[in-house]
C-alpha atoms as a PDB file:
ATOM      1  CA  MET A   1       1.078 -17.056 -16.320  1.00  0.00           C
ATOM      2  CA  LYS A   2       0.031 -13.654 -15.036  1.00  0.00           C
ATOM      3  CA  ASP A   3       2.740 -11.525 -13.428  1.00  0.00           C
ATOM      4  CA  ASN A   4       1.743 -10.460  -9.907  1.00  0.00           C
ATOM      5  CA  VAL A   5       4.291  -7.645  -9.603  1.00  0.00           C
ATOM      6  CA  ARG A   6       2.734  -4.497  -8.133  1.00  0.00           C
ATOM      7  CA  GLN A   7       3.617  -1.254  -9.815  1.00  0.00           C
ATOM      8  CA  ILE A   8       3.856   1.781  -7.557  1.00  0.00           C
ATOM      9  CA  ARG A   9       2.491   4.922  -9.210  1.00  0.00           C
ATOM     10  CA  VAL A  10       2.163   8.541  -8.142  1.00  0.00           C
ATOM     11  CA  CYS A  11      -1.215  10.171  -8.681  1.00  0.00           C
ATOM     12  CA  PRO A  12      -0.865  13.341 -10.776  1.00  0.00           C
ATOM     13  CA  LEU A  13      -3.867  14.886  -8.982  1.00  0.00           C
ATOM     14  CA  CYS A  14      -3.087  14.381  -5.297  1.00  0.00           C
ATOM     15  CA  GLY A  15       0.557  13.275  -5.377  1.00  0.00           C
ATOM     16  CA  ARG A  16      -0.088  10.123  -3.349  1.00  0.00           C
ATOM     17  CA  SER A  17       1.856   6.933  -4.105  1.00  0.00           C
ATOM     18  CA  TYR A  18      -0.387   3.911  -4.617  1.00  0.00           C
ATOM     19  CA  GLY A  19      -0.112   0.276  -5.641  1.00  0.00           C
ATOM     20  CA  GLU A  20      -3.755  -0.537  -6.372  1.00  0.00           C
ATOM     21  CA  ALA A  21      -5.237  -0.655  -9.848  1.00  0.00           C
ATOM     22  CA  PRO A  22      -5.470   2.888 -11.210  1.00  0.00           C
ATOM     23  CA  ALA A  23      -8.638   4.708 -12.182  1.00  0.00           C
ATOM     24  CA  LEU A  24      -9.068   6.552 -15.471  1.00  0.00           C
ATOM     25  CA  SER A  25      -9.613  10.276 -15.012  1.00  0.00           C
ATOM     26  CA  ARG A  26     -13.023  11.500 -16.099  1.00  0.00           C
ATOM     27  CA  THR A  27     -11.566  14.846 -17.173  1.00  0.00           C
ATOM     28  CA  ASP A  28      -9.603  13.556 -20.173  1.00  0.00           C
ATOM     29  CA  ASN A  29     -10.257   9.787 -20.336  1.00  0.00           C
ATOM     30  CA  GLU A  30      -6.488   9.233 -20.640  1.00  0.00           C
ATOM     31  CA  THR A  31      -4.780  10.034 -17.339  1.00  0.00           C
ATOM     32  CA  LEU A  32      -4.349   7.259 -14.775  1.00  0.00           C
ATOM     33  CA  ILE A  33      -5.139   8.437 -11.251  1.00  0.00           C
ATOM     34  CA  CYS A  34      -5.307   6.828  -7.817  1.00  0.00           C
ATOM     35  CA  PRO A  35      -8.478   5.006  -6.770  1.00  0.00           C
ATOM     36  CA  ASP A  36      -9.340   7.736  -4.249  1.00  0.00           C
ATOM     37  CA  CYS A  37      -9.206  10.497  -6.880  1.00  0.00           C
ATOM     38  CA  GLY A  38     -11.236   8.278  -9.208  1.00  0.00           C
ATOM     39  CA  THR A  39     -13.865   7.899  -6.502  1.00  0.00           C
ATOM     40  CA  ARG A  40     -13.821  11.647  -5.852  1.00  0.00           C
ATOM     41  CA  GLN A  41     -14.386  12.377  -9.550  1.00  0.00           C
ATOM     42  CA  ALA A  42     -17.216   9.847  -9.748  1.00  0.00           C
ATOM     43  CA  LEU A  43     -18.947  11.273  -6.677  1.00  0.00           C
ATOM     44  CA  GLU A  44     -18.466  14.832  -7.931  1.00  0.00           C
ATOM     45  CA  SER A  45     -20.074  13.868 -11.241  1.00  0.00           C
ATOM     46  CA  ILE A  46     -23.293  12.983  -9.412  1.00  0.00           C
ATOM     47  CA  GLY A  47     -23.331  16.187  -7.380  1.00  0.00           C
ATOM     48  CA  ILE A  48     -21.862  15.071  -4.052  1.00  0.00           C
ATOM     49  CA  ASP A  49     -20.191  18.023  -2.283  1.00  0.00           C
ATOM     50  CA  ALA A  50     -16.496  17.950  -1.274  1.00  0.00           C
ATOM     51  CA  GLU A  51     -17.105  17.395   2.438  1.00  0.00           C
ATOM     52  CA  GLU A  52     -19.391  14.419   1.802  1.00  0.00           C
ATOM     53  CA  ARG A  53     -16.935  12.966  -0.750  1.00  0.00           C
ATOM     54  CA  GLU A  54     -14.188  12.956   1.884  1.00  0.00           C
ATOM     55  CA  LYS A  55     -16.499  11.273   4.414  1.00  0.00           C
ATOM     56  CA  ILE A  56     -17.272   8.554   1.863  1.00  0.00           C
ATOM     57  CA  ILE A  57     -13.560   8.038   1.083  1.00  0.00           C
ATOM     58  CA  SER A  58     -12.893   7.744   4.834  1.00  0.00           C
ATOM     59  CA  ILE A  59     -15.607   5.101   5.197  1.00  0.00           C
ATOM     60  CA  ILE A  60     -14.173   3.151   2.264  1.00  0.00           C
ATOM     61  CA  HIS A  61     -10.732   3.185   3.907  1.00  0.00           C
ATOM     62  CA  GLN A  62     -12.186   1.994   7.234  1.00  0.00           C
ATOM     63  CA  SER A  63     -14.043  -0.858   5.537  1.00  0.00           C
ATOM     64  CA  TYR A  64     -11.196  -2.047   3.313  1.00  0.00           C
ATOM     65  CA  ARG A  65      -9.314  -5.065   4.590  1.00  0.00           C
ATOM     66  CA  PRO A  66      -6.536  -6.205   2.197  1.00  0.00           C
END
């Protein structure tokens, strides 16, 4: 049986506490980071500027219904 206990982590990049599945940092392929920082890194890797990245993160948060 799978254990459904949520682990609370603190993102080493932004300092935010989160309980979702972590993302793997693109900078070292070892560090676990929060989903938002993972999204930021992914968007940055395709050339999206910082202001647009934050708009996209905001839209994701508005659309997410747990």
